[in-house]
Amino acid sequence: MMDRKEQEKLFVTEDLGKVRGVTATRGWSTKSFLFAAIGLMVGAIFCLELSKFLPQARPALVTPTVFDVKAEKKVCTSNAANCNETKCCKDAGTQCFAKNAGFAMCRNECVPGLDPVDPFPTPWSCKALGKQTPGHFSYNGWGPKTPGW
């Protein structure tokens, strides 16, 4: 039987530790292992520190090809109700006009100052709020009564 040294002489030649065309390696030396471990730790710490300065990962936005957005139907004011919030009128040919900061009404026209048919004798500013409703204003059924003031 051959001892270990004789076996190594058979398989390992003197020139650069080659065994019949294959490089002979003895595995990781302690020094190589420590350098690799330190390198991995430094790299991990670097990545963690760098991630603090980068924006957080967000899922990619997918833009749909067809939009299924349903437009909310705007509810407009009708008749003598306060249109201060809606700023639009249902009746054709009318527009929302402000009387003061708290009240506005849909009218076909507005003249600043006191309105002789207004039951509350305070002046109108007649600031137009929103757009005029398309169409022509109809006087049918409109019969103002003169207030008693």
C-alpha atoms as a PDB file:
ATOM      1  CA  MET A   1       0.000   0.000   0.000  1.00  0.00           C
ATOM      2  CA  MET A   2       1.075   3.559  -0.724  1.00  0.00           C
ATOM      3  CA  ASP A   3       1.266   6.178   1.888  1.00  0.00           C
ATOM      4  CA  ARG A   4      -0.294   9.607   1.446  1.00  0.00           C
ATOM      5  CA  LYS A   5       2.841  11.312   0.103  1.00  0.00           C
ATOM      6  CA  GLU A   6       3.291   8.710  -2.580  1.00  0.00           C
ATOM      7  CA  GLN A   7      -0.360   9.107  -3.626  1.00  0.00           C
ATOM      8  CA  GLU A   8       0.066  12.892  -3.882  1.00  0.00           C
ATOM      9  CA  LYS A   9       3.151  12.430  -6.069  1.00  0.00           C
ATOM     10  CA  LEU A  10       1.152  10.277  -8.452  1.00  0.00           C
ATOM     11  CA  PHE A  11      -1.703  12.760  -8.870  1.00  0.00           C
ATOM     12  CA  VAL A  12      -0.089  16.147  -8.350  1.00  0.00           C
ATOM     13  CA  THR A  13       2.760  17.237 -10.581  1.00  0.00           C
ATOM     14  CA  GLU A  14       5.292  19.830  -9.584  1.00  0.00           C
ATOM     15  CA  ASP A  15       4.191  22.479 -12.088  1.00  0.00           C
ATOM     16  CA  LEU A  16       1.525  24.739 -10.568  1.00  0.00           C
ATOM     17  CA  GLY A  17      -0.382  21.983  -8.786  1.00  0.00           C
ATOM     18  CA  LYS A  18      -2.217  20.579 -11.789  1.00  0.00           C
ATOM     19  CA  VAL A  19      -3.620  17.063 -11.672  1.00  0.00           C
ATOM     20  CA  ARG A  20      -3.824  15.748 -15.193  1.00  0.00           C
ATOM     21  CA  GLY A  21      -5.330  19.019 -16.555  1.00  0.00           C
ATOM     22  CA  VAL A  22      -7.524  19.785 -13.520  1.00  0.00           C
ATOM     23  CA  THR A  23      -6.510  22.429 -10.977  1.00  0.00           C
ATOM     24  CA  ALA A  24      -6.066  20.948  -7.529  1.00  0.00           C
ATOM     25  CA  THR A  25      -7.626  22.989  -4.731  1.00  0.00           C
ATOM     26  CA  ARG A  26      -7.459  22.301  -1.061  1.00  0.00           C
ATOM     27  CA  GLY A  27     -10.572  24.364  -0.200  1.00  0.00           C
ATOM     28  CA  TRP A  28     -10.965  27.658   1.576  1.00  0.00           C
ATOM     29  CA  SER A  29      -8.128  28.743   3.751  1.00  0.00           C
ATOM     30  CA  THR A  30      -9.015  30.514   6.992  1.00  0.00           C
ATOM     31  CA  LYS A  31      -7.710  33.818   5.676  1.00  0.00           C
ATOM     32  CA  SER A  32      -9.729  33.597   2.460  1.00  0.00           C
ATOM     33  CA  PHE A  33     -12.853  32.704   4.398  1.00  0.00           C
ATOM     34  CA  LEU A  34     -12.451  35.696   6.733  1.00  0.00           C
ATOM     35  CA  PHE A  35     -11.895  38.110   3.838  1.00  0.00           C
ATOM     36  CA  ALA A  36     -15.012  36.796   2.070  1.00  0.00           C
ATOM     37  CA  ALA A  37     -17.118  37.033   5.231  1.00  0.00           C
ATOM     38  CA  ILE A  38     -15.937  40.588   5.959  1.00  0.00           C
ATOM     39  CA  GLY A  39     -16.592  41.583   2.344  1.00  0.00           C
ATOM     40  CA  LEU A  40     -20.149  40.235   2.501  1.00  0.00           C
ATOM     41  CA  MET A  41     -20.840  42.036   5.774  1.00  0.00           C
ATOM     42  CA  VAL A  42     -19.473  45.340   4.453  1.00  0.00           C
ATOM     43  CA  GLY A  43     -21.561  44.956   1.294  1.00  0.00           C
ATOM     44  CA  ALA A  44     -24.724  44.210   3.285  1.00  0.00           C
ATOM     45  CA  ILE A  45     -24.180  47.209   5.575  1.00  0.00           C
ATOM     46  CA  PHE A  46     -23.530  49.430   2.555  1.00  0.00           C
ATOM     47  CA  CYS A  47     -26.783  48.280   0.915  1.00  0.00           C
ATOM     48  CA  LEU A  48     -28.775  48.871   4.105  1.00  0.00           C
ATOM     49  CA  GLU A  49     -27.363  52.363   4.546  1.00  0.00           C
ATOM     50  CA  LEU A  50     -27.912  53.196   0.878  1.00  0.00           C
ATOM     51  CA  SER A  51     -31.540  52.048   1.036  1.00  0.00           C
ATOM     52  CA  LYS A  52     -32.269  54.798   3.580  1.00  0.00           C
ATOM     53  CA  PHE A  53     -31.617  57.437   0.919  1.00  0.00           C
ATOM     54  CA  LEU A  54     -33.495  55.766  -1.917  1.00  0.00           C
ATOM     55  CA  PRO A  55     -37.268  56.121  -2.321  1.00  0.00           C
ATOM     56  CA  GLN A  56     -39.278  53.197  -1.055  1.00  0.00           C
ATOM     57  CA  ALA A  57     -40.247  50.599  -3.612  1.00  0.00           C
ATOM     58  CA  ARG A  58     -43.743  51.198  -4.917  1.00  0.00           C
ATOM     59  CA  PRO A  59     -45.804  48.917  -7.091  1.00  0.00           C
ATOM     60  CA  ALA A  60     -45.774  49.869 -10.732  1.00  0.00           C
ATOM     61  CA  LEU A  61     -48.765  51.896 -11.839  1.00  0.00           C
ATOM     62  CA  VAL A  62     -50.808  50.124 -14.439  1.00  0.00           C
ATOM     63  CA  THR A  63     -52.619  52.464 -16.763  1.00  0.00           C
ATOM     64  CA  PRO A  64     -55.776  50.831 -18.055  1.00  0.00           C
ATOM     65  CA  THR A  65     -56.513  51.128 -21.730  1.00  0.00           C
ATOM     66  CA  VAL A  66     -60.222  51.726 -21.088  1.00  0.00           C
ATOM     67  CA  PHE A  67     -61.300  53.970 -18.266  1.00  0.00           C
ATOM     68  CA  ASP A  68     -64.309  52.772 -16.322  1.00  0.00           C
ATOM     69  CA  VAL A  69     -64.753  56.054 -14.516  1.00  0.00           C
ATOM     70  CA  LYS A  70     -68.365  56.976 -13.986  1.00  0.00           C
ATOM     71  CA  ALA A  71     -68.890  60.706 -13.898  1.00  0.00           C
ATOM     72  CA  GLU A  72     -70.982  61.831 -10.993  1.00  0.00           C
ATOM     73  CA  LYS A  73     -74.100  63.520 -12.187  1.00  0.00           C
ATOM     74  CA  LYS A  74     -74.204  67.023 -10.820  1.00  0.00           C
ATOM     75  CA  VAL A  75     -77.392  67.824  -8.951  1.00  0.00           C
ATOM     76  CA  CYS A  76     -78.466  71.346  -9.767  1.00  0.00           C
ATOM     77  CA  THR A  77     -80.879  73.560  -7.872  1.00  0.00           C
ATOM     78  CA  SER A  78     -84.398  74.231  -9.055  1.00  0.00           C
ATOM     79  CA  ASN A  79     -87.000  76.940  -8.370  1.00  0.00           C
ATOM     80  CA  ALA A  80     -86.380  79.276  -5.423  1.00  0.00           C
ATOM     81  CA  ALA A  81     -83.980  77.022  -3.501  1.00  0.00           C
ATOM     82  CA  ASN A  82     -80.514  78.183  -2.401  1.00  0.00           C
ATOM     83  CA  CYS A  83     -77.992  77.485  -5.175  1.00  0.00           C
ATOM     84  CA  ASN A  84     -75.025  78.867  -3.221  1.00  0.00           C
ATOM     85  CA  GLU A  85     -73.411  75.408  -2.952  1.00  0.00           C
ATOM     86  CA  THR A  86     -74.385  73.816  -6.280  1.00  0.00           C
ATOM     87  CA  LYS A  87     -73.787  76.967  -8.367  1.00  0.00           C
ATOM     88  CA  CYS A  88     -75.967  75.550 -11.127  1.00  0.00           C
ATOM     89  CA  CYS A  89     -79.653  75.645 -12.001  1.00  0.00           C
ATOM     90  CA  LYS A  90     -82.058  73.065 -13.430  1.00  0.00           C
ATOM     91  CA  ASP A  91     -84.452  75.432 -15.165  1.00  0.00           C
ATOM     92  CA  ALA A  92     -83.591  76.485 -18.727  1.00  0.00           C
ATOM     93  CA  GLY A  93     -82.254  80.011 -19.170  1.00  0.00           C
ATOM     94  CA  THR A  94     -81.556  80.568 -15.468  1.00  0.00           C
ATOM     95  CA  GLN A  95     -78.328  81.275 -13.659  1.00  0.00           C
ATOM     96  CA  CYS A  96     -77.344  81.226  -9.999  1.00  0.00           C
ATOM     97  CA  PHE A  97     -77.037  84.798  -8.668  1.00  0.00           C
ATOM     98  CA  ALA A  98     -75.798  85.622  -5.163  1.00  0.00           C
ATOM     99  CA  LYS A  99     -77.860  87.810  -2.865  1.00  0.00           C
ATOM    100  CA  ASN A 100     -75.263  87.785  -0.065  1.00  0.00           C
ATOM    101  CA  ALA A 101     -72.564  85.415   1.248  1.00  0.00           C
ATOM    102  CA  GLY A 102     -75.124  82.896   2.503  1.00  0.00           C
ATOM    103  CA  PHE A 103     -77.889  82.882  -0.118  1.00  0.00           C
ATOM    104  CA  ALA A 104     -78.118  82.640  -3.892  1.00  0.00           C
ATOM    105  CA  MET A 105     -81.042  81.838  -6.159  1.00  0.00           C
ATOM    106  CA  CYS A 106     -81.617  80.720  -9.742  1.00  0.00           C
ATOM    107  CA  ARG A 107     -82.975  83.607 -11.800  1.00  0.00           C
ATOM    108  CA  ASN A 108     -83.165  84.528 -15.456  1.00  0.00           C
ATOM    109  CA  GLU A 109     -81.738  87.996 -14.724  1.00  0.00           C
ATOM    110  CA  CYS A 110     -80.594  90.003 -11.728  1.00  0.00           C
ATOM    111  CA  VAL A 111     -80.346  93.719 -10.967  1.00  0.00           C
ATOM    112  CA  PRO A 112     -78.145  94.705  -8.006  1.00  0.00           C
ATOM    113  CA  GLY A 113     -79.957  96.317  -5.093  1.00  0.00           C
ATOM    114  CA  LEU A 114     -83.422  95.768  -3.617  1.00  0.00           C
ATOM    115  CA  ASP A 115     -85.799  93.488  -5.514  1.00  0.00           C
ATOM    116  CA  PRO A 116     -89.433  94.623  -5.272  1.00  0.00           C
ATOM    117  CA  VAL A 117     -90.751  91.026  -5.340  1.00  0.00           C
ATOM    118  CA  ASP A 118     -88.268  89.688  -2.760  1.00  0.00           C
ATOM    119  CA  PRO A 119     -90.032  88.929   0.551  1.00  0.00           C
ATOM    120  CA  PHE A 120     -86.822  89.732   2.472  1.00  0.00           C
ATOM    121  CA  PRO A 121     -85.873  93.399   1.884  1.00  0.00           C
ATOM    122  CA  THR A 122     -82.099  93.099   1.640  1.00  0.00           C
ATOM    123  CA  PRO A 123     -80.082  94.103  -1.418  1.00  0.00           C
ATOM    124  CA  TRP A 124     -78.839  91.619  -4.009  1.00  0.00           C
ATOM    125  CA  SER A 125     -75.165  91.631  -5.005  1.00  0.00           C
ATOM    126  CA  CYS A 126     -76.086  89.747  -8.206  1.00  0.00           C
ATOM    127  CA  LYS A 127     -72.695  88.070  -8.438  1.00  0.00           C
ATOM    128  CA  ALA A 128     -73.035  85.298 -11.042  1.00  0.00           C
ATOM    129  CA  LEU A 129     -72.179  81.871  -9.629  1.00  0.00           C
ATOM    130  CA  GLY A 130     -71.567  79.201 -12.248  1.00  0.00           C
ATOM    131  CA  LYS A 131     -72.822  79.218 -15.824  1.00  0.00           C
ATOM    132  CA  GLN A 132     -76.238  79.950 -17.247  1.00  0.00           C
ATOM    133  CA  THR A 133     -78.317  76.875 -18.003  1.00  0.00           C
ATOM    134  CA  PRO A 134     -78.794  76.473 -21.770  1.00  0.00           C
ATOM    135  CA  GLY A 135     -82.233  77.222 -23.185  1.00  0.00           C
ATOM    136  CA  HIS A 136     -84.793  79.987 -22.886  1.00  0.00           C
ATOM    137  CA  PHE A 137     -86.415  81.038 -19.646  1.00  0.00           C
ATOM    138  CA  SER A 138     -90.148  80.425 -19.525  1.00  0.00           C
ATOM    139  CA  TYR A 139     -92.418  82.755 -17.576  1.00  0.00           C
ATOM    140  CA  ASN A 140     -95.221  80.146 -17.517  1.00  0.00           C
ATOM    141  CA  GLY A 141     -96.362  79.612 -13.949  1.00  0.00           C
ATOM    142  CA  TRP A 142     -94.262  82.487 -12.674  1.00  0.00           C
ATOM    143  CA  GLY A 143     -96.474  84.979 -10.920  1.00  0.00           C
ATOM    144  CA  PRO A 144     -94.604  87.065  -8.382  1.00  0.00           C
ATOM    145  CA  LYS A 145     -96.575  88.733  -5.639  1.00  0.00           C
ATOM    146  CA  THR A 146     -95.601  92.167  -4.382  1.00  0.00           C
ATOM    147  CA  PRO A 147     -94.492  91.924  -0.766  1.00  0.00           C
ATOM    148  CA  GLY A 148     -96.051  94.069   1.870  1.00  0.00           C
ATOM    149  CA  TRP A 149     -92.990  96.003   2.831  1.00  0.00           C
END
